Protein backbone atom coordinates (compact mmCIF):
# COMPACT_ATOMS: atom_id res chain seq x y z
CA UNK A 1 -5.81 -14.18 39.40
CA UNK A 2 -9.16 -12.43 39.75
CA UNK A 3 -10.99 -10.93 36.78
CA UNK A 4 -10.71 -7.16 37.15
CA UNK A 5 -12.83 -6.16 34.18
CA UNK A 6 -15.16 -7.80 31.71
CA UNK A 7 -15.59 -6.77 28.08
CA UNK A 8 -18.21 -7.92 25.64
CA UNK A 9 -18.07 -8.40 21.87
CA UNK A 10 -21.36 -9.36 20.22
CA UNK A 11 -22.41 -10.31 16.71
CA UNK A 12 -25.97 -10.19 15.42
CA UNK A 13 -26.55 -12.06 12.16
CA UNK A 14 -29.73 -11.47 10.13
CA UNK A 15 -30.57 -14.57 8.06
CA UNK A 16 -32.87 -15.12 5.11
CA UNK A 17 -35.34 -18.01 4.90
CA UNK A 18 -32.49 -20.36 3.88
CA UNK A 19 -30.33 -19.21 6.82
CA UNK A 20 -27.95 -17.30 4.52
CA UNK A 21 -26.58 -14.11 6.13
CA UNK A 22 -28.30 -10.93 4.96
CA UNK A 23 -26.84 -8.62 7.61
CA UNK A 24 -24.01 -8.66 10.12
CA UNK A 25 -23.86 -6.18 12.99
CA UNK A 26 -21.31 -6.15 15.77
CA UNK A 27 -20.77 -4.33 19.04
CA UNK A 28 -17.77 -4.03 21.35
CA UNK A 29 -18.35 -2.45 24.75
CA UNK A 30 -14.76 -1.31 25.32
CA UNK A 31 -14.28 -0.15 21.73
CA UNK A 32 -17.25 2.16 21.66
CA UNK A 33 -18.76 0.17 18.78
CA UNK A 34 -22.53 -0.26 18.78
CA UNK A 35 -24.24 -2.32 16.09
CA UNK A 36 -21.81 -1.40 13.33
CA UNK A 37 -22.59 -3.03 10.01
CA UNK A 38 -20.19 -5.44 8.30
CA UNK A 39 -20.29 -7.59 5.18
CA UNK A 40 -18.01 -10.33 6.52
CA UNK A 41 -16.38 -11.75 9.64
CA UNK A 42 -14.00 -14.59 10.39
CA UNK A 43 -14.18 -15.88 13.95
CA UNK A 44 -11.73 -18.44 15.31
CA UNK A 45 -11.89 -19.88 18.82
CA UNK A 46 -9.31 -22.23 20.34
CA UNK A 47 -10.82 -25.25 22.08
CA UNK A 48 -8.02 -26.17 24.48
CA UNK A 49 -9.78 -29.33 25.62
CA UNK A 50 -10.01 -30.78 22.09
CA UNK A 51 -6.85 -29.00 20.87
CA UNK A 52 -8.59 -27.67 17.77
CA UNK A 53 -9.81 -24.44 16.28
CA UNK A 54 -13.50 -23.75 15.98
CA UNK A 55 -13.99 -21.58 12.91
CA UNK A 56 -16.99 -19.53 11.88
CA UNK A 57 -16.69 -17.69 8.55
CA UNK A 58 -19.70 -15.52 7.70
CA UNK A 59 -20.35 -13.13 4.85
CA UNK A 60 -23.45 -11.48 3.48
CA UNK A 61 -24.83 -11.78 -0.02
CA UNK A 62 -23.74 -8.16 -0.52
CA UNK A 63 -20.02 -8.92 -0.02
CA UNK A 64 -18.36 -8.37 -3.42
CA UNK A 65 -15.70 -10.86 -4.49
CA UNK A 66 -13.07 -8.12 -4.95
CA UNK A 67 -13.65 -6.94 -1.36
CA UNK A 68 -13.49 -10.56 -0.13
CA UNK A 69 -10.04 -10.92 -1.71
CA UNK A 70 -8.82 -7.77 0.05
CA UNK A 71 -10.45 -8.92 3.30
CA UNK A 72 -8.61 -12.25 3.15
CA UNK A 73 -5.31 -10.59 2.28
CA UNK A 74 -5.55 -8.14 5.16
CA UNK A 75 -6.57 -10.95 7.51
CA UNK A 76 -3.54 -13.02 6.50
CA UNK A 77 -1.22 -10.04 7.11
CA UNK A 78 -2.79 -9.47 10.53
CA UNK A 79 -2.38 -13.17 11.34
CA UNK A 80 1.35 -12.94 10.53
CA UNK A 81 1.66 -9.92 12.83
CA UNK A 82 -0.31 -11.64 15.60
CA UNK A 83 1.72 -14.84 15.20
CA UNK A 84 4.93 -12.87 15.67
CA UNK A 85 3.62 -11.08 18.79
CA UNK A 86 2.34 -14.36 20.25
CA UNK A 87 5.37 -16.55 19.51
CA UNK A 88 8.33 -14.20 18.88
CA UNK A 89 9.06 -16.39 15.84
CA UNK A 90 10.39 -13.74 13.47
CA UNK A 91 11.53 -16.23 10.84
CA UNK A 92 8.12 -17.90 10.40
CA UNK A 93 6.36 -14.53 10.58
CA UNK A 94 8.55 -13.30 7.73
CA UNK A 95 7.70 -16.44 5.76
CA UNK A 96 4.01 -15.79 6.37
CA UNK A 97 4.43 -12.17 5.16
CA UNK A 98 6.20 -13.45 2.04
CA UNK A 99 3.14 -15.58 1.34
CA UNK A 100 0.92 -12.53 1.89
CA UNK A 101 2.91 -10.63 -0.74
CA UNK A 102 2.60 -13.59 -3.12
CA UNK A 103 -1.14 -13.81 -2.42
CA UNK A 104 -1.59 -10.09 -3.16
CA UNK A 105 0.52 -10.32 -6.30
CA UNK A 106 -1.42 -13.29 -7.69
CA UNK A 107 -4.75 -11.57 -6.97
CA UNK A 108 -3.36 -8.30 -8.37
CA UNK A 109 -4.22 -6.43 -5.18
CA UNK A 110 -2.72 -3.09 -4.28
CA UNK A 111 -0.43 -3.46 -1.28
CA UNK A 112 -2.33 -1.60 1.44
CA UNK A 113 -0.27 -3.17 4.21
CA UNK A 114 2.83 -0.99 3.80
CA UNK A 115 3.20 1.68 6.42
CA UNK A 116 4.02 5.24 5.35
């Protein structure tokens, strides 16, 4: 199958003298995003040759702990949704969502994942 279209997602990380992230900017050509600022990103890439995940968590010094907790909660919820779409495993996806509710409860987060 021939590639019909290419899309680019880029991250630019500004580091201090100790190579700690000061700034994170990202762009997505198809999303109309150009150098938007972010305080954190979690990037996972599947290495099919080694059968392992390459993981790159980055956050700036300006990322507050309370926002990091919400960021992780929302990421876990999105992972449950993605897992269900990718595998059609409704039972495990529900189990993952149960954990997300537990996670939010223990961190005393408002549930911002419920749809109106």
